[in-house]
């Protein structure tokens, strides 16, 4: 089974979605399952993980409703206020939804480079493990040291590093990103998403050769058993089509044994998000 481990849906709201700048004006419209599902089918992708783009429980519920109505959405990574004293109450409520796999906070937007090590945030991360949820790490390279410290506190929690921590592909430099990501990769409970790469390159003129050095480093550090294909659709459309993004990774992985390719393009995501075995009780309401 081929799984896209990272994509987004939204109904565009100009007041809410201020992160979509004029340069990204193409994204100022709705992107819904009826837009993505034909792309999945055309590229032989069996399902996807819908990841939050707005920091609200309202959006989490929106994604869960889409997942309920569309079998292609195999799981949801939502948002919850991990710093809230009511974190256990909210997690009990959300544990009733069978397709909710984990949570993400847009830590890359936090001015504090060590936000991930805040005491209240760490308390929230610790609560996730009590409910068997995962956590997606969305950061810039400068935040990798804090991320490494964070994951060391929770060896039993599964973490996914989104977009390879956004390496500076456009600048064609490897350091300090490569040195900073290496300690994080040594944690066996951290997986890495091969996603969001074409938008870190030059949107109009990127080539596979621009991305390959960064993929080489991540593949060496994490190995093919801890990396996952992700399209980052529809954000990827700023720089390439769904097919181009998939083909970039498909060609890169083509020299690997077939069983390793199958892990990168599906089995790792199934394992990480427990797509076939995770079930929750009825939980609380509210």
C-alpha atoms as a PDB file:
ATOM      1  CA  UNK A   1       0.000   0.000   0.000  1.00  0.00           C
ATOM      2  CA  UNK A   2       1.356   3.411  -0.983  1.00  0.00           C
ATOM      3  CA  UNK A   3       0.726   6.178   1.565  1.00  0.00           C
ATOM      4  CA  UNK A   4       1.296   9.919   1.288  1.00  0.00           C
ATOM      5  CA  UNK A   5       2.370  10.740   4.841  1.00  0.00           C
ATOM      6  CA  UNK A   6       1.890  14.498   4.624  1.00  0.00           C
ATOM      7  CA  UNK A   7      -0.705  16.703   2.928  1.00  0.00           C
ATOM      8  CA  UNK A   8      -3.218  19.398   3.858  1.00  0.00           C
ATOM      9  CA  UNK A   9      -6.832  20.437   3.324  1.00  0.00           C
ATOM     10  CA  UNK A  10      -8.447  23.794   3.939  1.00  0.00           C
ATOM     11  CA  UNK A  11     -11.322  26.071   3.094  1.00  0.00           C
ATOM     12  CA  UNK A  12      -9.493  29.306   2.472  1.00  0.00           C
ATOM     13  CA  UNK A  13     -10.087  32.107   4.979  1.00  0.00           C
ATOM     14  CA  UNK A  14      -8.194  35.339   4.305  1.00  0.00           C
ATOM     15  CA  UNK A  15      -8.270  36.452   7.938  1.00  0.00           C
ATOM     16  CA  UNK A  16      -7.122  33.099   9.283  1.00  0.00           C
ATOM     17  CA  UNK A  17      -4.672  31.981   6.610  1.00  0.00           C
ATOM     18  CA  UNK A  18      -2.320  34.954   6.744  1.00  0.00           C
ATOM     19  CA  UNK A  19       0.649  32.605   6.286  1.00  0.00           C
ATOM     20  CA  UNK A  20      -0.339  32.406   2.603  1.00  0.00           C
ATOM     21  CA  UNK A  21       1.560  35.449   1.355  1.00  0.00           C
ATOM     22  CA  UNK A  22       1.171  37.287  -1.954  1.00  0.00           C
ATOM     23  CA  UNK A  23       3.999  35.133  -3.316  1.00  0.00           C
ATOM     24  CA  UNK A  24       1.813  32.119  -2.540  1.00  0.00           C
ATOM     25  CA  UNK A  25      -1.420  33.614  -3.878  1.00  0.00           C
ATOM     26  CA  UNK A  26      -2.089  30.436  -5.888  1.00  0.00           C
ATOM     27  CA  UNK A  27      -2.987  28.778  -2.574  1.00  0.00           C
ATOM     28  CA  UNK A  28      -5.706  31.311  -1.771  1.00  0.00           C
ATOM     29  CA  UNK A  29      -8.569  28.947  -2.517  1.00  0.00           C
ATOM     30  CA  UNK A  30     -10.160  25.810  -1.132  1.00  0.00           C
ATOM     31  CA  UNK A  31      -8.253  22.535  -1.305  1.00  0.00           C
ATOM     32  CA  UNK A  32     -10.452  19.579  -0.432  1.00  0.00           C
ATOM     33  CA  UNK A  33     -10.529  15.782  -0.899  1.00  0.00           C
ATOM     34  CA  UNK A  34     -12.277  16.064  -4.257  1.00  0.00           C
ATOM     35  CA  UNK A  35      -9.190  17.971  -5.469  1.00  0.00           C
ATOM     36  CA  UNK A  36      -6.645  15.527  -4.066  1.00  0.00           C
ATOM     37  CA  UNK A  37      -8.241  12.132  -4.621  1.00  0.00           C
ATOM     38  CA  UNK A  38      -7.871  12.245  -8.438  1.00  0.00           C
ATOM     39  CA  UNK A  39      -4.165  13.001  -7.928  1.00  0.00           C
ATOM     40  CA  UNK A  40      -3.804  10.058  -5.556  1.00  0.00           C
ATOM     41  CA  UNK A  41      -5.464   7.721  -8.037  1.00  0.00           C
ATOM     42  CA  UNK A  42      -3.443   9.023 -10.982  1.00  0.00           C
ATOM     43  CA  UNK A  43      -0.228   8.378  -9.046  1.00  0.00           C
ATOM     44  CA  UNK A  44      -1.220   4.971  -7.611  1.00  0.00           C
ATOM     45  CA  UNK A  45      -1.277   6.314  -4.051  1.00  0.00           C
ATOM     46  CA  UNK A  46      -3.724   4.405  -1.867  1.00  0.00           C
ATOM     47  CA  UNK A  47      -4.199   6.878   0.945  1.00  0.00           C
ATOM     48  CA  UNK A  48      -2.911   9.900   2.796  1.00  0.00           C
ATOM     49  CA  UNK A  49      -2.332  11.509   6.181  1.00  0.00           C
ATOM     50  CA  UNK A  50      -4.066  14.892   6.532  1.00  0.00           C
ATOM     51  CA  UNK A  51      -1.930  17.271   8.608  1.00  0.00           C
ATOM     52  CA  UNK A  52      -3.052  20.445  10.351  1.00  0.00           C
ATOM     53  CA  UNK A  53      -2.305  23.845   8.845  1.00  0.00           C
ATOM     54  CA  UNK A  54      -4.199  26.004  11.339  1.00  0.00           C
ATOM     55  CA  UNK A  55      -3.670  25.995  15.089  1.00  0.00           C
ATOM     56  CA  UNK A  56      -7.210  25.386  16.254  1.00  0.00           C
ATOM     57  CA  UNK A  57      -9.312  22.506  17.487  1.00  0.00           C
ATOM     58  CA  UNK A  58     -11.891  23.650  14.975  1.00  0.00           C
ATOM     59  CA  UNK A  59      -9.589  22.667  12.125  1.00  0.00           C
ATOM     60  CA  UNK A  60      -8.791  19.356  13.801  1.00  0.00           C
ATOM     61  CA  UNK A  61     -12.503  18.540  13.851  1.00  0.00           C
ATOM     62  CA  UNK A  62     -12.798  19.690  10.217  1.00  0.00           C
ATOM     63  CA  UNK A  63     -10.049  17.259   9.176  1.00  0.00           C
ATOM     64  CA  UNK A  64     -11.634  14.457  11.178  1.00  0.00           C
ATOM     65  CA  UNK A  65     -14.961  15.053   9.423  1.00  0.00           C
ATOM     66  CA  UNK A  66     -13.225  14.813   6.057  1.00  0.00           C
ATOM     67  CA  UNK A  67     -11.489  11.613   7.151  1.00  0.00           C
ATOM     68  CA  UNK A  68     -14.795  10.138   8.302  1.00  0.00           C
ATOM     69  CA  UNK A  69     -16.320  10.758   4.882  1.00  0.00           C
ATOM     70  CA  UNK A  70     -13.373   9.785   2.670  1.00  0.00           C
ATOM     71  CA  UNK A  71     -11.683   6.424   2.992  1.00  0.00           C
ATOM     72  CA  UNK A  72      -8.578   7.684   1.210  1.00  0.00           C
ATOM     73  CA  UNK A  73      -7.744   9.763   4.303  1.00  0.00           C
ATOM     74  CA  UNK A  74      -6.187   7.092   6.485  1.00  0.00           C
ATOM     75  CA  UNK A  75      -5.223   9.317   9.393  1.00  0.00           C
ATOM     76  CA  UNK A  76      -5.217  12.860  10.758  1.00  0.00           C
ATOM     77  CA  UNK A  77      -2.479  14.831  12.508  1.00  0.00           C
ATOM     78  CA  UNK A  78      -4.363  17.593  14.277  1.00  0.00           C
ATOM     79  CA  UNK A  79      -3.655  20.478  16.620  1.00  0.00           C
ATOM     80  CA  UNK A  80      -4.318  20.817  20.311  1.00  0.00           C
ATOM     81  CA  UNK A  81      -3.026  23.349  22.828  1.00  0.00           C
ATOM     82  CA  UNK A  82      -0.195  21.288  24.245  1.00  0.00           C
ATOM     83  CA  UNK A  83       0.634  24.058  26.719  1.00  0.00           C
ATOM     84  CA  UNK A  84      -2.843  24.034  28.245  1.00  0.00           C
ATOM     85  CA  UNK A  85      -3.395  22.801  31.828  1.00  0.00           C
ATOM     86  CA  UNK A  86      -6.473  21.047  30.390  1.00  0.00           C
ATOM     87  CA  UNK A  87      -4.381  18.949  28.012  1.00  0.00           C
ATOM     88  CA  UNK A  88      -5.498  15.591  29.481  1.00  0.00           C
ATOM     89  CA  UNK A  89      -9.161  16.562  29.256  1.00  0.00           C
ATOM     90  CA  UNK A  90      -8.806  17.528  25.598  1.00  0.00           C
ATOM     91  CA  UNK A  91      -6.848  14.400  24.770  1.00  0.00           C
ATOM     92  CA  UNK A  92      -9.529  12.260  26.388  1.00  0.00           C
ATOM     93  CA  UNK A  93     -12.090  13.988  24.196  1.00  0.00           C
ATOM     94  CA  UNK A  94     -10.109  13.552  20.973  1.00  0.00           C
ATOM     95  CA  UNK A  95      -9.245   9.933  21.744  1.00  0.00           C
ATOM     96  CA  UNK A  96     -12.756   8.969  20.631  1.00  0.00           C
ATOM     97  CA  UNK A  97     -11.896   9.598  16.948  1.00  0.00           C
ATOM     98  CA  UNK A  98     -10.428   6.438  15.369  1.00  0.00           C
ATOM     99  CA  UNK A  99      -8.586   8.214  12.542  1.00  0.00           C
ATOM    100  CA  UNK A 100      -6.794  10.734  14.768  1.00  0.00           C
ATOM    101  CA  UNK A 101      -3.172   9.592  14.920  1.00  0.00           C
ATOM    102  CA  UNK A 102      -1.294  12.488  16.461  1.00  0.00           C
ATOM    103  CA  UNK A 103      -0.747  16.208  16.778  1.00  0.00           C
ATOM    104  CA  UNK A 104       1.475  18.995  15.506  1.00  0.00           C
ATOM    105  CA  UNK A 105       2.338  22.498  16.622  1.00  0.00           C
ATOM    106  CA  UNK A 106       3.755  25.051  14.165  1.00  0.00           C
ATOM    107  CA  UNK A 107       6.900  25.462  16.228  1.00  0.00           C
ATOM    108  CA  UNK A 108       8.765  27.008  13.294  1.00  0.00           C
ATOM    109  CA  UNK A 109       6.687  30.165  13.849  1.00  0.00           C
ATOM    110  CA  UNK A 110       7.648  30.497  17.516  1.00  0.00           C
ATOM    111  CA  UNK A 111      10.186  33.315  18.140  1.00  0.00           C
ATOM    112  CA  UNK A 112      11.802  31.315  20.942  1.00  0.00           C
ATOM    113  CA  UNK A 113      14.258  28.869  19.354  1.00  0.00           C
ATOM    114  CA  UNK A 114      13.899  26.678  22.442  1.00  0.00           C
ATOM    115  CA  UNK A 115      10.104  26.702  22.523  1.00  0.00           C
ATOM    116  CA  UNK A 116      10.071  22.889  22.327  1.00  0.00           C
ATOM    117  CA  UNK A 117      11.820  22.775  25.705  1.00  0.00           C
ATOM    118  CA  UNK A 118       9.328  24.962  27.556  1.00  0.00           C
ATOM    119  CA  UNK A 119       8.086  23.226  30.692  1.00  0.00           C
ATOM    120  CA  UNK A 120       4.397  23.544  29.793  1.00  0.00           C
ATOM    121  CA  UNK A 121       5.014  22.288  26.249  1.00  0.00           C
ATOM    122  CA  UNK A 122       6.994  19.293  27.532  1.00  0.00           C
ATOM    123  CA  UNK A 123       4.120  18.498  29.886  1.00  0.00           C
ATOM    124  CA  UNK A 124       1.816  18.362  26.858  1.00  0.00           C
ATOM    125  CA  UNK A 125       4.201  16.174  24.876  1.00  0.00           C
ATOM    126  CA  UNK A 126       4.368  13.794  27.820  1.00  0.00           C
ATOM    127  CA  UNK A 127       0.583  13.587  27.868  1.00  0.00           C
ATOM    128  CA  UNK A 128       0.539  12.414  24.236  1.00  0.00           C
ATOM    129  CA  UNK A 129       2.323   9.206  25.130  1.00  0.00           C
ATOM    130  CA  UNK A 130      -0.385   8.359  27.665  1.00  0.00           C
ATOM    131  CA  UNK A 131      -2.885   8.240  24.787  1.00  0.00           C
ATOM    132  CA  UNK A 132      -0.521   6.619  22.255  1.00  0.00           C
ATOM    133  CA  UNK A 133      -0.561   9.675  19.989  1.00  0.00           C
ATOM    134  CA  UNK A 134       2.363  10.741  17.804  1.00  0.00           C
ATOM    135  CA  UNK A 135       3.933  14.179  17.428  1.00  0.00           C
ATOM    136  CA  UNK A 136       5.015  15.826  14.163  1.00  0.00           C
ATOM    137  CA  UNK A 137       7.986  18.205  14.561  1.00  0.00           C
ATOM    138  CA  UNK A 138       7.746  21.273  12.294  1.00  0.00           C
ATOM    139  CA  UNK A 139      10.873  23.388  12.735  1.00  0.00           C
ATOM    140  CA  UNK A 140      13.683  25.257  11.037  1.00  0.00           C
ATOM    141  CA  UNK A 141      17.284  23.987  11.278  1.00  0.00           C
ATOM    142  CA  UNK A 142      18.129  26.426  14.096  1.00  0.00           C
ATOM    143  CA  UNK A 143      15.544  24.642  16.272  1.00  0.00           C
ATOM    144  CA  UNK A 144      17.048  21.172  15.799  1.00  0.00           C
ATOM    145  CA  UNK A 145      19.087  21.280  19.053  1.00  0.00           C
ATOM    146  CA  UNK A 146      15.925  21.901  21.091  1.00  0.00           C
ATOM    147  CA  UNK A 147      14.113  19.150  19.168  1.00  0.00           C
ATOM    148  CA  UNK A 148      16.948  16.725  19.944  1.00  0.00           C
ATOM    149  CA  UNK A 149      16.696  17.522  23.644  1.00  0.00           C
ATOM    150  CA  UNK A 150      12.931  17.154  23.564  1.00  0.00           C
ATOM    151  CA  UNK A 151      12.859  13.702  21.976  1.00  0.00           C
ATOM    152  CA  UNK A 152      15.514  12.481  24.410  1.00  0.00           C
ATOM    153  CA  UNK A 153      13.012  13.086  27.221  1.00  0.00           C
ATOM    154  CA  UNK A 154      10.410  10.785  25.641  1.00  0.00           C
ATOM    155  CA  UNK A 155      12.046   7.624  24.243  1.00  0.00           C
ATOM    156  CA  UNK A 156       8.695   5.838  24.136  1.00  0.00           C
ATOM    157  CA  UNK A 157       6.906   8.469  22.023  1.00  0.00           C
ATOM    158  CA  UNK A 158       6.942   8.357  18.216  1.00  0.00           C
ATOM    159  CA  UNK A 159       8.111  11.587  16.545  1.00  0.00           C
ATOM    160  CA  UNK A 160       8.072  12.522  12.845  1.00  0.00           C
ATOM    161  CA  UNK A 161      10.372  15.274  11.605  1.00  0.00           C
ATOM    162  CA  UNK A 162       8.454  17.173   8.941  1.00  0.00           C
ATOM    163  CA  UNK A 163      10.136  18.334   5.728  1.00  0.00           C
ATOM    164  CA  UNK A 164      13.605  17.184   6.867  1.00  0.00           C
ATOM    165  CA  UNK A 165      13.650  20.318   9.092  1.00  0.00           C
ATOM    166  CA  UNK A 166      13.573  22.513   5.970  1.00  0.00           C
ATOM    167  CA  UNK A 167      17.172  22.365   4.727  1.00  0.00           C
ATOM    168  CA  UNK A 168      18.479  25.378   2.752  1.00  0.00           C
ATOM    169  CA  UNK A 169      18.207  23.728  -0.663  1.00  0.00           C
ATOM    170  CA  UNK A 170      17.752  27.034  -2.450  1.00  0.00           C
ATOM    171  CA  UNK A 171      21.119  28.227  -1.084  1.00  0.00           C
ATOM    172  CA  UNK A 172      22.864  24.927  -1.932  1.00  0.00           C
ATOM    173  CA  UNK A 173      24.593  24.738   1.452  1.00  0.00           C
ATOM    174  CA  UNK A 174      24.565  21.713   3.736  1.00  0.00           C
ATOM    175  CA  UNK A 175      25.841  23.175   6.983  1.00  0.00           C
ATOM    176  CA  UNK A 176      24.924  23.739   9.702  1.00  0.00           C
ATOM    177  CA  UNK A 177      21.740  21.801   8.852  1.00  0.00           C
ATOM    178  CA  UNK A 178      23.565  18.498   8.307  1.00  0.00           C
ATOM    179  CA  UNK A 179      25.460  18.706  11.590  1.00  0.00           C
ATOM    180  CA  UNK A 180      22.344  19.716  13.521  1.00  0.00           C
ATOM    181  CA  UNK A 181      20.092  16.968  12.179  1.00  0.00           C
ATOM    182  CA  UNK A 182      22.584  14.182  12.882  1.00  0.00           C
ATOM    183  CA  UNK A 183      22.048  13.958  16.690  1.00  0.00           C
ATOM    184  CA  UNK A 184      18.279  13.932  16.222  1.00  0.00           C
ATOM    185  CA  UNK A 185      18.517  11.053  13.747  1.00  0.00           C
ATOM    186  CA  UNK A 186      20.285   8.926  16.348  1.00  0.00           C
ATOM    187  CA  UNK A 187      17.046   8.689  18.331  1.00  0.00           C
ATOM    188  CA  UNK A 188      15.365   5.463  17.120  1.00  0.00           C
ATOM    189  CA  UNK A 189      11.871   6.801  17.874  1.00  0.00           C
ATOM    190  CA  UNK A 190      12.237   9.656  15.343  1.00  0.00           C
ATOM    191  CA  UNK A 191      11.153   9.182  11.726  1.00  0.00           C
ATOM    192  CA  UNK A 192      11.733  11.736   8.966  1.00  0.00           C
ATOM    193  CA  UNK A 193       9.319  12.835   6.252  1.00  0.00           C
ATOM    194  CA  UNK A 194      10.779  13.286   2.764  1.00  0.00           C
ATOM    195  CA  UNK A 195       8.360  16.123   2.146  1.00  0.00           C
ATOM    196  CA  UNK A 196       8.266  19.844   1.465  1.00  0.00           C
ATOM    197  CA  UNK A 197      11.531  19.748  -0.461  1.00  0.00           C
ATOM    198  CA  UNK A 198      10.661  21.373  -3.783  1.00  0.00           C
ATOM    199  CA  UNK A 199       9.391  24.468  -1.973  1.00  0.00           C
ATOM    200  CA  UNK A 200      12.717  24.753  -0.139  1.00  0.00           C
ATOM    201  CA  UNK A 201      14.419  24.751  -3.547  1.00  0.00           C
ATOM    202  CA  UNK A 202      14.029  27.387  -6.253  1.00  0.00           C
ATOM    203  CA  UNK A 203      10.331  27.145  -7.115  1.00  0.00           C
ATOM    204  CA  UNK A 204      10.801  27.825 -10.814  1.00  0.00           C
ATOM    205  CA  UNK A 205      14.081  26.135 -11.679  1.00  0.00           C
ATOM    206  CA  UNK A 206      14.752  23.312  -9.194  1.00  0.00           C
ATOM    207  CA  UNK A 207      16.265  20.081 -10.446  1.00  0.00           C
ATOM    208  CA  UNK A 208      16.574  16.662  -8.862  1.00  0.00           C
ATOM    209  CA  UNK A 209      20.313  17.273  -8.535  1.00  0.00           C
ATOM    210  CA  UNK A 210      19.580  20.205  -6.207  1.00  0.00           C
ATOM    211  CA  UNK A 211      17.704  17.998  -3.771  1.00  0.00           C
ATOM    212  CA  UNK A 212      19.815  14.838  -3.933  1.00  0.00           C
ATOM    213  CA  UNK A 213      22.617  15.886  -1.504  1.00  0.00           C
ATOM    214  CA  UNK A 214      20.047  16.544   1.222  1.00  0.00           C
ATOM    215  CA  UNK A 215      18.239  13.275   0.576  1.00  0.00           C
ATOM    216  CA  UNK A 216      21.589  11.463   0.676  1.00  0.00           C
ATOM    217  CA  UNK A 217      22.305  12.813   4.157  1.00  0.00           C
ATOM    218  CA  UNK A 218      18.875  11.995   5.546  1.00  0.00           C
ATOM    219  CA  UNK A 219      18.893   8.519   4.018  1.00  0.00           C
ATOM    220  CA  UNK A 220      22.300   7.829   5.547  1.00  0.00           C
ATOM    221  CA  UNK A 221      21.287   9.148   8.972  1.00  0.00           C
ATOM    222  CA  UNK A 222      17.782   7.706   9.303  1.00  0.00           C
ATOM    223  CA  UNK A 223      17.997   4.785   6.902  1.00  0.00           C
ATOM    224  CA  UNK A 224      15.169   3.608   4.622  1.00  0.00           C
ATOM    225  CA  UNK A 225      13.287   2.094   7.583  1.00  0.00           C
ATOM    226  CA  UNK A 226      12.635   5.520   9.184  1.00  0.00           C
ATOM    227  CA  UNK A 227      11.810   7.831   6.285  1.00  0.00           C
ATOM    228  CA  UNK A 228       8.408   8.443   4.697  1.00  0.00           C
ATOM    229  CA  UNK A 229       7.237   9.833   1.383  1.00  0.00           C
ATOM    230  CA  UNK A 230       5.104  12.946   1.751  1.00  0.00           C
ATOM    231  CA  UNK A 231       3.806  15.248  -0.983  1.00  0.00           C
ATOM    232  CA  UNK A 232       3.053  18.359   1.104  1.00  0.00           C
ATOM    233  CA  UNK A 233       0.140  18.919  -1.292  1.00  0.00           C
ATOM    234  CA  UNK A 234      -1.192  21.518  -2.005  1.00  0.00           C
ATOM    235  CA  UNK A 235       1.780  23.633  -0.830  1.00  0.00           C
ATOM    236  CA  UNK A 236       4.012  21.665  -3.209  1.00  0.00           C
ATOM    237  CA  UNK A 237       2.026  23.069  -6.146  1.00  0.00           C
ATOM    238  CA  UNK A 238       3.962  26.313  -5.753  1.00  0.00           C
ATOM    239  CA  UNK A 239       6.953  24.493  -7.201  1.00  0.00           C
ATOM    240  CA  UNK A 240       5.717  21.313  -8.868  1.00  0.00           C
ATOM    241  CA  UNK A 241       2.814  18.998  -9.572  1.00  0.00           C
ATOM    242  CA  UNK A 242       1.901  16.041  -7.383  1.00  0.00           C
ATOM    243  CA  UNK A 243       3.374  13.725 -10.011  1.00  0.00           C
ATOM    244  CA  UNK A 244       6.649  15.669 -10.125  1.00  0.00           C
ATOM    245  CA  UNK A 245       7.034  15.539  -6.348  1.00  0.00           C
ATOM    246  CA  UNK A 246       6.339  11.820  -6.205  1.00  0.00           C
ATOM    247  CA  UNK A 247       8.616  11.133  -9.172  1.00  0.00           C
ATOM    248  CA  UNK A 248      11.470  13.060  -7.547  1.00  0.00           C
ATOM    249  CA  UNK A 249      11.513  10.573  -4.678  1.00  0.00           C
ATOM    250  CA  UNK A 250      10.537   7.578  -6.805  1.00  0.00           C
ATOM    251  CA  UNK A 251      13.562   8.040  -9.059  1.00  0.00           C
ATOM    252  CA  UNK A 252      15.830   8.707  -6.075  1.00  0.00           C
ATOM    253  CA  UNK A 253      14.771   5.483  -4.336  1.00  0.00           C
ATOM    254  CA  UNK A 254      14.825   3.402  -7.509  1.00  0.00           C
ATOM    255  CA  UNK A 255      18.271   1.948  -6.787  1.00  0.00           C
ATOM    256  CA  UNK A 256      17.182   0.576  -3.411  1.00  0.00           C
ATOM    257  CA  UNK A 257      15.878  -2.978  -2.975  1.00  0.00           C
ATOM    258  CA  UNK A 258      12.160  -3.274  -3.605  1.00  0.00           C
ATOM    259  CA  UNK A 259      11.373  -3.986   0.050  1.00  0.00           C
ATOM    260  CA  UNK A 260      13.079  -0.725   1.073  1.00  0.00           C
ATOM    261  CA  UNK A 261      11.142   1.216  -1.549  1.00  0.00           C
ATOM    262  CA  UNK A 262       7.936  -0.257  -0.167  1.00  0.00           C
ATOM    263  CA  UNK A 263       8.880   0.927   3.295  1.00  0.00           C
ATOM    264  CA  UNK A 264       9.596   4.485   2.148  1.00  0.00           C
ATOM    265  CA  UNK A 265       6.391   4.774   0.131  1.00  0.00           C
ATOM    266  CA  UNK A 266       3.976   3.179   2.563  1.00  0.00           C
ATOM    267  CA  UNK A 267       5.016   0.632   5.164  1.00  0.00           C
ATOM    268  CA  UNK A 268       6.902   3.133   7.325  1.00  0.00           C
ATOM    269  CA  UNK A 269       3.877   5.442   7.468  1.00  0.00           C
ATOM    270  CA  UNK A 270       1.606   2.494   8.301  1.00  0.00           C
ATOM    271  CA  UNK A 271       3.984   1.481  11.081  1.00  0.00           C
ATOM    272  CA  UNK A 272       4.545   4.979  12.441  1.00  0.00           C
ATOM    273  CA  UNK A 273       0.894   6.045  12.490  1.00  0.00           C
ATOM    274  CA  UNK A 274      -0.379   2.527  13.261  1.00  0.00           C
ATOM    275  CA  UNK A 275      -2.893   2.834  10.464  1.00  0.00           C
ATOM    276  CA  UNK A 276      -4.168  -0.724  10.720  1.00  0.00           C
ATOM    277  CA  UNK A 277      -4.163  -1.368  14.454  1.00  0.00           C
ATOM    278  CA  UNK A 278      -4.921   1.818  16.386  1.00  0.00           C
ATOM    279  CA  UNK A 279      -8.367   1.891  17.977  1.00  0.00           C
ATOM    280  CA  UNK A 280      -9.774   4.118  20.680  1.00  0.00           C
ATOM    281  CA  UNK A 281     -12.630   3.827  23.087  1.00  0.00           C
ATOM    282  CA  UNK A 282     -15.638   6.124  23.152  1.00  0.00           C
ATOM    283  CA  UNK A 283     -13.853   8.753  25.263  1.00  0.00           C
ATOM    284  CA  UNK A 284     -15.458  11.852  26.720  1.00  0.00           C
ATOM    285  CA  UNK A 285     -17.663  14.351  24.969  1.00  0.00           C
ATOM    286  CA  UNK A 286     -17.415  18.104  24.682  1.00  0.00           C
END
